[in-house]
Amino acid sequence: MAGATASCVFCAIATKSTSLLHSDDKVVAFQDINPSAFRHYLVVPVAHIPTVKDLQRKTDDYSLVSHMLEVGKTLLHRDAPQSQQYRFGFHQPPLNSVNHLHLHCLALPYSPRWRSIKYLSFGPLGFIEAEKFLEKIKPLPTGQSKV
């Protein structure tokens, strides 16, 4: 696998796990080993990308995150259709637990309820909703520069 890191637990899962919920050439999805909600899945890129800070306003990065979100939504709508609320997002450094980009896909309620604290936004720290992050890395139209 291109860019795999031997010491990265998510790289190992992406290449060797047999308990994947989804697998394609770009991403894999699996259950979080320490779930914080009724259903809690992680969608990770096959390529080793350390954190959200390593993504830019590029078409490839935007496409990857969009695909991760679509996979997460599809899985949760399939496996937890009765949920009234879903959350999709990323922890930002220094509050990320594993240095391999991973999208948290949560079908609420949180379990136990106190775990919701891990998914609060603290501006440039903490948890960032996937849709908000997509806006942040959306490529600018040709000829425009970032203001």
N, C-alpha and C. Protein backbone atom coordinates (compact mmCIF):
# COMPACT_ATOMS: atom_id res chain seq x y z
N MET A 1 0.84 -1.17 0.00
CA MET A 1 0.00 0.00 0.00
C MET A 1 0.89 1.24 0.00
N ALA A 2 0.64 2.15 -0.91
CA ALA A 2 1.42 3.38 -1.01
C ALA A 2 1.26 4.22 0.24
N GLY A 3 2.38 4.65 0.78
CA GLY A 3 2.34 5.55 1.92
C GLY A 3 2.01 4.89 3.25
N ALA A 4 1.95 3.58 3.31
CA ALA A 4 1.63 2.90 4.56
C ALA A 4 2.77 3.08 5.56
N THR A 5 2.39 3.19 6.81
CA THR A 5 3.36 3.31 7.89
C THR A 5 3.26 2.07 8.76
N ALA A 6 4.38 1.39 8.94
CA ALA A 6 4.39 0.12 9.66
C ALA A 6 3.84 0.24 11.08
N SER A 7 4.06 1.36 11.74
CA SER A 7 3.63 1.50 13.12
C SER A 7 2.20 2.03 13.26
N CYS A 8 1.52 2.31 12.16
CA CYS A 8 0.18 2.88 12.21
C CYS A 8 -0.88 1.78 12.29
N VAL A 9 -1.67 1.79 13.35
CA VAL A 9 -2.69 0.77 13.56
C VAL A 9 -3.74 0.81 12.44
N PHE A 10 -4.09 2.00 11.94
CA PHE A 10 -5.11 2.08 10.90
C PHE A 10 -4.57 1.61 9.55
N CYS A 11 -3.27 1.79 9.29
CA CYS A 11 -2.67 1.23 8.08
C CYS A 11 -2.76 -0.30 8.12
N ALA A 12 -2.49 -0.87 9.30
CA ALA A 12 -2.57 -2.33 9.45
C ALA A 12 -3.99 -2.82 9.24
N ILE A 13 -4.97 -2.12 9.78
CA ILE A 13 -6.37 -2.51 9.60
C ILE A 13 -6.74 -2.43 8.12
N ALA A 14 -6.32 -1.36 7.45
CA ALA A 14 -6.67 -1.17 6.04
C ALA A 14 -6.12 -2.27 5.15
N THR A 15 -4.99 -2.84 5.52
CA THR A 15 -4.37 -3.86 4.66
C THR A 15 -4.62 -5.29 5.10
N LYS A 16 -4.96 -5.51 6.37
CA LYS A 16 -5.02 -6.89 6.87
C LYS A 16 -6.33 -7.31 7.50
N SER A 17 -7.22 -6.37 7.78
CA SER A 17 -8.43 -6.71 8.53
C SER A 17 -9.43 -7.47 7.68
N THR A 18 -10.07 -8.43 8.31
CA THR A 18 -11.14 -9.18 7.64
C THR A 18 -12.52 -8.75 8.15
N SER A 19 -12.56 -7.85 9.10
CA SER A 19 -13.83 -7.43 9.68
C SER A 19 -14.22 -6.01 9.24
N LEU A 20 -14.01 -5.73 7.98
CA LEU A 20 -14.33 -4.41 7.46
C LEU A 20 -15.81 -4.33 7.08
N LEU A 21 -16.38 -3.17 7.32
CA LEU A 21 -17.77 -2.91 6.92
C LEU A 21 -17.83 -2.46 5.47
N HIS A 22 -16.72 -1.88 4.99
CA HIS A 22 -16.63 -1.39 3.62
C HIS A 22 -15.16 -1.35 3.25
N SER A 23 -14.89 -1.63 1.98
CA SER A 23 -13.53 -1.54 1.47
C SER A 23 -13.59 -1.23 -0.02
N ASP A 24 -12.82 -0.23 -0.44
CA ASP A 24 -12.65 0.05 -1.87
C ASP A 24 -11.21 0.53 -2.06
N ASP A 25 -10.88 1.03 -3.23
CA ASP A 25 -9.49 1.41 -3.48
C ASP A 25 -9.06 2.68 -2.75
N LYS A 26 -10.02 3.45 -2.19
CA LYS A 26 -9.68 4.70 -1.51
C LYS A 26 -9.81 4.63 0.01
N VAL A 27 -10.84 3.92 0.52
CA VAL A 27 -11.12 3.93 1.95
C VAL A 27 -11.54 2.55 2.45
N VAL A 28 -11.43 2.39 3.76
CA VAL A 28 -12.00 1.24 4.46
C VAL A 28 -12.82 1.77 5.63
N ALA A 29 -13.80 0.99 6.08
CA ALA A 29 -14.62 1.38 7.22
C ALA A 29 -14.75 0.19 8.16
N PHE A 30 -14.77 0.49 9.46
CA PHE A 30 -14.87 -0.55 10.47
C PHE A 30 -15.48 0.04 11.72
N GLN A 31 -15.89 -0.83 12.64
CA GLN A 31 -16.46 -0.38 13.91
C GLN A 31 -15.36 0.15 14.82
N ASP A 32 -15.65 1.23 15.52
CA ASP A 32 -14.73 1.76 16.51
C ASP A 32 -14.62 0.73 17.64
N ILE A 33 -13.40 0.48 18.11
CA ILE A 33 -13.23 -0.54 19.16
C ILE A 33 -13.72 -0.06 20.52
N ASN A 34 -13.91 1.25 20.66
CA ASN A 34 -14.40 1.82 21.91
C ASN A 34 -15.53 2.80 21.57
N PRO A 35 -16.68 2.27 21.15
CA PRO A 35 -17.74 3.13 20.62
C PRO A 35 -18.29 4.14 21.62
N SER A 36 -18.62 5.31 21.08
CA SER A 36 -19.17 6.40 21.89
C SER A 36 -20.65 6.63 21.61
N ALA A 37 -21.24 5.80 20.78
CA ALA A 37 -22.65 6.00 20.40
C ALA A 37 -23.28 4.66 20.07
N PHE A 38 -24.59 4.72 19.82
CA PHE A 38 -25.36 3.53 19.45
C PHE A 38 -24.66 2.76 18.33
N ARG A 39 -24.23 3.45 17.28
CA ARG A 39 -23.36 2.91 16.24
C ARG A 39 -22.22 3.92 16.08
N HIS A 40 -20.99 3.41 16.00
CA HIS A 40 -19.82 4.28 15.88
C HIS A 40 -18.84 3.61 14.94
N TYR A 41 -18.76 4.15 13.74
CA TYR A 41 -17.87 3.60 12.71
C TYR A 41 -16.77 4.61 12.41
N LEU A 42 -15.65 4.10 11.91
CA LEU A 42 -14.56 4.93 11.43
C LEU A 42 -14.36 4.64 9.95
N VAL A 43 -14.20 5.70 9.17
CA VAL A 43 -13.86 5.57 7.76
C VAL A 43 -12.48 6.18 7.60
N VAL A 44 -11.53 5.38 7.10
CA VAL A 44 -10.14 5.85 6.97
C VAL A 44 -9.66 5.67 5.54
N PRO A 45 -8.82 6.59 5.08
CA PRO A 45 -8.24 6.40 3.75
C PRO A 45 -7.24 5.24 3.77
N VAL A 46 -7.14 4.55 2.66
CA VAL A 46 -6.16 3.48 2.53
C VAL A 46 -4.76 4.08 2.58
N ALA A 47 -4.56 5.21 1.90
CA ALA A 47 -3.27 5.90 1.94
C ALA A 47 -3.08 6.53 3.31
N HIS A 48 -1.86 6.52 3.80
CA HIS A 48 -1.58 7.10 5.11
C HIS A 48 -1.54 8.63 5.00
N ILE A 49 -2.53 9.27 5.59
CA ILE A 49 -2.59 10.73 5.71
C ILE A 49 -2.71 10.98 7.20
N PRO A 50 -1.76 11.66 7.81
CA PRO A 50 -1.75 11.78 9.27
C PRO A 50 -2.99 12.46 9.88
N THR A 51 -3.35 13.67 9.47
CA THR A 51 -4.45 14.38 10.11
C THR A 51 -5.15 15.30 9.11
N VAL A 52 -6.22 15.94 9.57
CA VAL A 52 -6.92 16.92 8.73
C VAL A 52 -5.99 18.07 8.34
N LYS A 53 -4.99 18.34 9.15
CA LYS A 53 -4.05 19.43 8.86
C LYS A 53 -3.21 19.14 7.62
N ASP A 54 -3.21 17.88 7.16
CA ASP A 54 -2.43 17.50 5.98
C ASP A 54 -3.25 17.59 4.69
N LEU A 55 -4.49 18.04 4.80
CA LEU A 55 -5.35 18.18 3.62
C LEU A 55 -5.42 19.66 3.23
N GLN A 56 -5.57 19.90 1.92
CA GLN A 56 -5.57 21.26 1.40
C GLN A 56 -6.75 21.47 0.46
N ARG A 57 -6.87 22.69 -0.03
CA ARG A 57 -7.90 23.05 -1.00
C ARG A 57 -7.54 22.47 -2.37
N LYS A 58 -7.52 21.15 -2.45
CA LYS A 58 -7.20 20.47 -3.70
C LYS A 58 -8.36 19.55 -4.06
N THR A 59 -8.57 19.37 -5.34
CA THR A 59 -9.65 18.52 -5.82
C THR A 59 -9.53 17.11 -5.26
N ASP A 60 -8.32 16.55 -5.23
CA ASP A 60 -8.13 15.19 -4.73
C ASP A 60 -8.49 15.08 -3.25
N ASP A 61 -8.08 16.04 -2.45
CA ASP A 61 -8.39 16.00 -1.02
C ASP A 61 -9.88 16.17 -0.78
N TYR A 62 -10.49 17.10 -1.49
CA TYR A 62 -11.93 17.33 -1.36
C TYR A 62 -12.71 16.07 -1.77
N SER A 63 -12.29 15.46 -2.86
CA SER A 63 -12.95 14.24 -3.35
C SER A 63 -12.83 13.10 -2.33
N LEU A 64 -11.65 12.96 -1.73
CA LEU A 64 -11.44 11.90 -0.73
C LEU A 64 -12.36 12.09 0.47
N VAL A 65 -12.40 13.29 1.03
CA VAL A 65 -13.24 13.54 2.21
C VAL A 65 -14.71 13.38 1.86
N SER A 66 -15.12 13.83 0.68
CA SER A 66 -16.51 13.64 0.23
C SER A 66 -16.85 12.15 0.15
N HIS A 67 -15.93 11.36 -0.38
CA HIS A 67 -16.14 9.91 -0.49
C HIS A 67 -16.22 9.28 0.91
N MET A 68 -15.34 9.70 1.81
CA MET A 68 -15.37 9.18 3.18
C MET A 68 -16.73 9.45 3.81
N LEU A 69 -17.23 10.66 3.64
CA LEU A 69 -18.53 11.03 4.21
C LEU A 69 -19.66 10.22 3.59
N GLU A 70 -19.63 10.04 2.30
CA GLU A 70 -20.68 9.27 1.62
C GLU A 70 -20.69 7.81 2.11
N VAL A 71 -19.52 7.22 2.26
CA VAL A 71 -19.42 5.85 2.78
C VAL A 71 -19.99 5.79 4.19
N GLY A 72 -19.61 6.72 5.04
CA GLY A 72 -20.11 6.75 6.42
C GLY A 72 -21.62 6.89 6.48
N LYS A 73 -22.17 7.81 5.69
CA LYS A 73 -23.62 8.01 5.68
C LYS A 73 -24.34 6.76 5.19
N THR A 74 -23.83 6.14 4.16
CA THR A 74 -24.45 4.92 3.63
C THR A 74 -24.48 3.82 4.67
N LEU A 75 -23.37 3.62 5.36
CA LEU A 75 -23.30 2.57 6.38
C LEU A 75 -24.26 2.82 7.53
N LEU A 76 -24.28 4.05 8.04
CA LEU A 76 -25.16 4.33 9.19
C LEU A 76 -26.63 4.29 8.79
N HIS A 77 -26.97 4.77 7.62
CA HIS A 77 -28.38 4.71 7.19
C HIS A 77 -28.81 3.25 7.00
N ARG A 78 -27.87 2.40 6.62
CA ARG A 78 -28.15 0.97 6.47
C ARG A 78 -28.28 0.28 7.82
N ASP A 79 -27.35 0.58 8.73
CA ASP A 79 -27.26 -0.17 9.99
C ASP A 79 -28.01 0.47 11.16
N ALA A 80 -28.35 1.73 11.05
CA ALA A 80 -29.05 2.42 12.15
C ALA A 80 -30.11 3.37 11.58
N PRO A 81 -31.04 2.83 10.78
CA PRO A 81 -32.04 3.70 10.15
C PRO A 81 -32.99 4.35 11.15
N GLN A 82 -33.10 3.77 12.34
CA GLN A 82 -34.01 4.29 13.35
C GLN A 82 -33.44 5.48 14.11
N SER A 83 -32.15 5.76 13.95
CA SER A 83 -31.55 6.89 14.66
C SER A 83 -32.15 8.20 14.18
N GLN A 84 -32.36 9.09 15.13
CA GLN A 84 -32.92 10.41 14.83
C GLN A 84 -31.82 11.42 14.48
N GLN A 85 -30.58 11.12 14.88
CA GLN A 85 -29.50 12.07 14.66
C GLN A 85 -28.20 11.32 14.37
N TYR A 86 -27.45 11.86 13.41
CA TYR A 86 -26.15 11.33 13.05
C TYR A 86 -25.13 12.46 13.14
N ARG A 87 -23.87 12.10 13.44
CA ARG A 87 -22.78 13.08 13.42
C ARG A 87 -21.62 12.48 12.66
N PHE A 88 -20.99 13.33 11.88
CA PHE A 88 -19.84 12.92 11.07
C PHE A 88 -18.77 13.99 11.22
N GLY A 89 -17.57 13.59 11.63
CA GLY A 89 -16.52 14.59 11.78
C GLY A 89 -15.17 14.01 12.16
N PHE A 90 -14.24 14.94 12.32
CA PHE A 90 -12.84 14.61 12.58
C PHE A 90 -12.35 15.30 13.85
N HIS A 91 -11.48 14.62 14.59
CA HIS A 91 -10.76 15.28 15.68
C HIS A 91 -9.56 15.97 15.05
N GLN A 92 -9.26 17.16 15.54
CA GLN A 92 -8.13 17.92 15.02
C GLN A 92 -6.97 17.85 16.01
N PRO A 93 -5.73 17.87 15.48
CA PRO A 93 -4.59 17.90 16.39
C PRO A 93 -4.66 19.12 17.31
N PRO A 94 -4.28 19.00 18.53
CA PRO A 94 -3.60 17.87 19.16
C PRO A 94 -4.56 16.87 19.81
N LEU A 95 -5.85 16.99 19.52
CA LEU A 95 -6.84 16.13 20.20
C LEU A 95 -7.21 14.87 19.42
N ASN A 96 -6.47 14.56 18.37
CA ASN A 96 -6.72 13.31 17.66
C ASN A 96 -5.98 12.17 18.35
N SER A 97 -6.60 11.01 18.38
CA SER A 97 -6.02 9.89 19.13
C SER A 97 -5.07 9.03 18.30
N VAL A 98 -5.26 8.99 16.99
CA VAL A 98 -4.43 8.19 16.09
C VAL A 98 -4.00 9.09 14.95
N ASN A 99 -2.72 9.09 14.63
CA ASN A 99 -2.23 9.92 13.53
C ASN A 99 -2.41 9.21 12.19
N HIS A 100 -3.66 8.98 11.85
CA HIS A 100 -4.08 8.52 10.53
C HIS A 100 -5.49 9.09 10.38
N LEU A 101 -5.69 9.88 9.36
CA LEU A 101 -6.97 10.53 9.15
C LEU A 101 -8.11 9.54 9.32
N HIS A 102 -9.12 9.91 10.11
CA HIS A 102 -10.28 9.02 10.28
C HIS A 102 -11.53 9.83 10.56
N LEU A 103 -12.58 9.48 9.85
CA LEU A 103 -13.87 10.12 9.99
C LEU A 103 -14.69 9.34 11.00
N HIS A 104 -15.14 10.02 12.06
CA HIS A 104 -16.04 9.40 13.03
C HIS A 104 -17.46 9.50 12.47
N CYS A 105 -18.15 8.38 12.43
CA CYS A 105 -19.53 8.31 11.95
C CYS A 105 -20.36 7.78 13.11
N LEU A 106 -21.21 8.63 13.66
CA LEU A 106 -21.93 8.30 14.89
C LEU A 106 -23.44 8.34 14.65
N ALA A 107 -24.11 7.25 15.02
CA ALA A 107 -25.58 7.22 15.08
C ALA A 107 -25.92 7.39 16.55
N LEU A 108 -26.49 8.53 16.87
CA LEU A 108 -26.76 8.87 18.27
C LEU A 108 -28.00 8.15 18.79
N PRO A 109 -28.12 7.95 20.08
CA PRO A 109 -27.53 8.73 21.16
C PRO A 109 -26.12 8.25 21.52
N TYR A 110 -25.42 9.16 22.23
CA TYR A 110 -24.12 8.80 22.78
C TYR A 110 -24.33 7.77 23.87
N SER A 111 -23.33 6.92 24.04
CA SER A 111 -23.44 5.89 25.05
C SER A 111 -22.05 5.63 25.64
N PRO A 112 -21.83 5.96 26.87
CA PRO A 112 -22.69 6.72 27.77
C PRO A 112 -22.74 8.19 27.36
N ARG A 113 -23.71 8.90 27.89
CA ARG A 113 -23.98 10.28 27.48
C ARG A 113 -22.77 11.22 27.63
N TRP A 114 -21.95 11.01 28.65
CA TRP A 114 -20.80 11.88 28.89
C TRP A 114 -19.80 11.86 27.74
N ARG A 115 -19.84 10.83 26.90
CA ARG A 115 -18.90 10.74 25.78
C ARG A 115 -19.10 11.83 24.74
N SER A 116 -20.25 12.50 24.81
CA SER A 116 -20.50 13.60 23.86
C SER A 116 -19.43 14.68 23.98
N ILE A 117 -18.79 14.77 25.14
CA ILE A 117 -17.74 15.77 25.37
C ILE A 117 -16.61 15.64 24.36
N LYS A 118 -16.30 14.42 23.96
CA LYS A 118 -15.22 14.19 23.00
C LYS A 118 -15.53 14.76 21.62
N TYR A 119 -16.78 15.10 21.37
CA TYR A 119 -17.19 15.52 20.03
C TYR A 119 -17.67 16.97 20.01
N LEU A 120 -17.11 17.78 20.92
CA LEU A 120 -17.39 19.21 20.95
C LEU A 120 -16.34 19.94 20.12
N SER A 121 -16.75 21.04 19.55
CA SER A 121 -15.83 21.86 18.77
C SER A 121 -15.26 22.96 19.65
N PHE A 122 -13.97 23.16 19.56
CA PHE A 122 -13.29 24.22 20.28
C PHE A 122 -12.54 25.10 19.28
N GLY A 123 -13.25 25.58 18.26
CA GLY A 123 -12.62 26.39 17.22
C GLY A 123 -11.63 25.55 16.43
N PRO A 124 -10.37 26.00 16.37
CA PRO A 124 -9.38 25.25 15.59
C PRO A 124 -8.92 23.96 16.27
N LEU A 125 -9.45 23.69 17.44
CA LEU A 125 -9.15 22.44 18.14
C LEU A 125 -10.42 21.61 18.22
N GLY A 126 -10.30 20.43 18.72
CA GLY A 126 -11.47 19.61 18.96
C GLY A 126 -12.03 18.97 17.69
N PHE A 127 -13.31 18.80 17.71
CA PHE A 127 -14.02 18.07 16.66
C PHE A 127 -14.53 19.03 15.60
N ILE A 128 -14.34 18.69 14.33
CA ILE A 128 -14.87 19.51 13.25
C ILE A 128 -15.83 18.65 12.43
N GLU A 129 -17.04 19.16 12.25
CA GLU A 129 -18.05 18.45 11.46
C GLU A 129 -17.54 18.27 10.04
N ALA A 130 -17.82 17.11 9.44
CA ALA A 130 -17.32 16.79 8.11
C ALA A 130 -17.78 17.81 7.07
N GLU A 131 -19.04 18.23 7.12
CA GLU A 131 -19.55 19.20 6.15
C GLU A 131 -18.81 20.54 6.29
N LYS A 132 -18.54 20.95 7.50
CA LYS A 132 -17.81 22.20 7.73
C LYS A 132 -16.37 22.07 7.22
N PHE A 133 -15.77 20.91 7.43
CA PHE A 133 -14.42 20.69 6.95
C PHE A 133 -14.38 20.68 5.42
N LEU A 134 -15.40 20.09 4.80
CA LEU A 134 -15.45 20.09 3.33
C LEU A 134 -15.48 21.52 2.79
N GLU A 135 -16.23 22.40 3.45
CA GLU A 135 -16.26 23.80 3.02
C GLU A 135 -14.87 24.43 3.13
N LYS A 136 -14.15 24.05 4.16
CA LYS A 136 -12.82 24.60 4.41
C LYS A 136 -11.81 24.19 3.33
N ILE A 137 -11.97 22.98 2.77
CA ILE A 137 -11.01 22.49 1.77
C ILE A 137 -11.58 22.49 0.36
N LYS A 138 -12.75 23.06 0.17
CA LYS A 138 -13.35 23.10 -1.16
C LYS A 138 -12.44 23.88 -2.09
N PRO A 139 -12.06 23.27 -3.23
CA PRO A 139 -11.18 23.98 -4.16
C PRO A 139 -11.83 25.28 -4.66
N LEU A 140 -11.00 26.29 -4.80
CA LEU A 140 -11.47 27.56 -5.30
C LEU A 140 -11.61 27.48 -6.82
N PRO A 141 -12.57 28.20 -7.39
CA PRO A 141 -12.66 28.23 -8.86
C PRO A 141 -11.35 28.73 -9.46
N THR A 142 -11.02 28.24 -10.63
CA THR A 142 -9.78 28.63 -11.30
C THR A 142 -9.69 30.15 -11.40
N GLY A 143 -8.52 30.67 -11.05
CA GLY A 143 -8.31 32.10 -11.14
C GLY A 143 -8.58 32.85 -9.85
N GLN A 144 -9.21 32.19 -8.87
CA GLN A 144 -9.49 32.86 -7.59
C GLN A 144 -8.39 32.48 -6.60
N SER A 145 -8.08 33.41 -5.74
CA SER A 145 -7.13 33.11 -4.67
C SER A 145 -7.84 33.20 -3.34
N LYS A 146 -7.31 32.55 -2.35
CA LYS A 146 -7.88 32.57 -1.01
C LYS A 146 -7.72 33.96 -0.42
N VAL A 147 -8.78 34.50 0.14
CA VAL A 147 -8.75 35.86 0.72
C VAL A 147 -8.28 35.80 2.15
